Amino acid sequence: VQLVESGGGLVQTGGSLRLECAASGSIFSPNNMGWYRQAPGKQRERVARILADGTINYADSVKGRFTISRDNAKNTADLQMNSLSDEDTAVYYCNLHWRCCGLDYEYWGQGTQVTVSS
């Protein structure tokens, strides 16, 4: 299984970016997809996730600004980020997870840098 992220970059405070994640390989369904981020000197944190049943969770820090979506047929998950601030600067990682036969399977993308600058 391979996850490839795209869409990161440099944006000004208050701006927007859209991250895209494409998963390929032997992917089990149903599965959950999410976005995590890690800022320098901090632990990786979950930003948003969308479960197989469509349930969506957001970190409190991004509620109302970020929107996660997925296309099950294409195995993609996007993260629309609006009203960005410098606190959103981090490497963003796509995550794919499923549980099968009593085991958890989890995969990560290589990460994409998001830098918010004033």
Protein backbone atom coordinates (compact mmCIF):
# COMPACT_ATOMS: atom_id res chain seq x y z
CA VAL A 1 0.00 0.00 0.00
CA GLN A 2 1.31 3.44 -0.91
CA LEU A 3 0.05 6.87 0.06
CA VAL A 4 1.11 9.93 -1.90
CA GLU A 5 0.36 13.42 -0.67
CA SER A 6 0.41 16.60 -2.69
CA GLY A 7 -0.65 20.20 -2.39
CA GLY A 8 1.61 21.52 0.33
CA GLY A 9 3.58 24.70 0.01
CA LEU A 10 4.05 28.24 1.23
CA VAL A 11 1.01 30.40 1.88
CA GLN A 12 0.40 33.70 3.58
CA THR A 13 -1.50 34.05 6.82
CA GLY A 14 -5.21 33.88 6.14
CA GLY A 15 -4.71 31.98 2.93
CA SER A 16 -5.88 28.55 1.82
CA LEU A 17 -4.35 25.30 0.65
CA ARG A 18 -5.78 22.00 -0.43
CA LEU A 19 -3.93 18.80 0.33
CA GLU A 20 -4.60 15.66 -1.62
CA CYS A 21 -3.83 12.07 -0.73
CA ALA A 22 -4.01 9.15 -3.11
CA ALA A 23 -3.80 5.59 -1.86
CA SER A 24 -2.88 2.66 -4.05
CA GLY A 25 -2.17 -1.03 -3.69
CA SER A 26 -4.08 -3.77 -1.92
CA ILE A 27 -6.49 -1.68 0.10
CA PHE A 28 -9.03 -3.29 2.37
CA SER A 29 -12.50 -1.84 2.66
CA PRO A 30 -13.98 -0.50 4.78
CA ASN A 31 -11.19 1.75 5.96
CA ASN A 32 -10.55 5.06 7.64
CA MET A 33 -8.53 7.93 6.22
CA GLY A 34 -7.11 10.91 7.99
CA TRP A 35 -4.65 13.74 8.06
CA TYR A 36 -2.06 14.30 10.76
CA ARG A 37 0.57 16.94 11.20
CA GLN A 38 3.84 17.39 13.01
CA ALA A 39 5.37 20.75 13.75
CA PRO A 40 9.05 21.12 14.69
CA GLY A 41 9.64 20.02 18.26
CA LYS A 42 6.09 18.76 18.68
CA GLN A 43 4.40 15.40 18.58
CA ARG A 44 2.39 14.30 15.61
CA GLU A 45 -1.26 15.16 16.07
CA ARG A 46 -4.40 14.17 14.29
CA VAL A 47 -5.95 17.01 12.32
CA ALA A 48 -8.97 15.33 10.80
CA ARG A 49 -10.20 11.89 9.95
CA ILE A 50 -13.10 10.42 8.06
CA LEU A 51 -14.24 6.97 9.00
CA ALA A 52 -15.62 4.30 6.74
CA ASP A 53 -19.17 5.10 7.85
CA GLY A 54 -18.69 8.77 6.96
CA THR A 55 -18.16 10.02 10.49
CA ILE A 56 -15.80 13.00 10.55
CA ASN A 57 -13.66 14.20 13.43
CA TYR A 58 -11.62 17.38 13.61
CA ALA A 59 -9.06 18.63 16.06
CA ASP A 60 -10.45 21.58 18.01
CA SER A 61 -7.74 23.81 16.59
CA VAL A 62 -8.96 23.38 13.01
CA LYS A 63 -12.73 23.16 13.43
CA GLY A 64 -14.50 25.60 11.17
CA ARG A 65 -11.39 26.13 9.05
CA PHE A 66 -10.48 22.72 7.66
CA THR A 67 -12.66 20.31 5.73
CA ILE A 68 -11.81 16.69 5.03
CA SER A 69 -13.40 14.73 2.22
CA ARG A 70 -12.84 11.39 0.56
CA ASP A 71 -13.66 9.51 -2.59
CA ASN A 72 -14.02 5.84 -1.73
CA ALA A 73 -14.01 4.75 -5.34
CA LYS A 74 -10.70 6.48 -5.99
CA ASN A 75 -9.17 5.87 -2.55
CA THR A 76 -8.41 9.53 -2.10
CA ALA A 77 -8.77 11.91 0.82
CA ASP A 78 -8.44 15.68 0.58
CA LEU A 79 -7.99 18.34 3.20
CA GLN A 80 -9.18 21.85 2.42
CA MET A 81 -7.48 24.31 4.73
CA ASN A 82 -8.74 27.87 5.05
CA SER A 83 -7.85 30.82 7.25
CA LEU A 84 -4.38 29.44 7.79
CA SER A 85 -2.20 30.80 10.56
CA ASP A 86 1.45 30.28 11.40
CA GLU A 87 0.35 27.70 13.98
CA ASP A 88 -0.70 25.49 11.08
CA THR A 89 2.87 25.27 9.84
CA ALA A 90 3.87 21.62 9.91
CA VAL A 91 4.51 18.53 7.86
CA TYR A 92 1.15 17.01 7.01
CA TYR A 93 0.78 13.25 6.70
CA CYS A 94 -1.97 11.20 5.17
CA ASN A 95 -3.04 8.11 7.08
CA LEU A 96 -4.94 5.01 6.04
CA HIS A 97 -6.20 2.50 8.58
CA TRP A 98 -8.31 -0.59 8.64
CA ARG A 99 -8.95 -3.47 10.94
CA CYS A 100 -9.21 -6.98 9.66
CA CYS A 101 -9.17 -10.37 11.25
CA GLY A 102 -8.24 -8.96 14.66
CA LEU A 103 -5.32 -6.95 13.33
CA ASP A 104 -4.86 -3.24 12.69
CA TYR A 105 -3.24 -2.10 9.49
CA GLU A 106 -1.94 1.43 9.26
CA TYR A 107 -0.11 3.23 6.49
CA TRP A 108 1.43 6.68 6.17
CA GLY A 109 2.39 8.94 3.36
CA GLN A 110 5.78 10.60 3.12
CA GLY A 111 4.43 13.94 4.28
CA THR A 112 4.01 17.31 2.64
CA GLN A 113 5.28 20.58 4.09
CA VAL A 114 2.85 23.38 4.79
CA THR A 115 4.39 26.70 5.72
CA VAL A 116 2.27 29.68 6.70
CA SER A 117 4.06 32.97 6.74
CA SER A 118 3.02 36.54 7.32
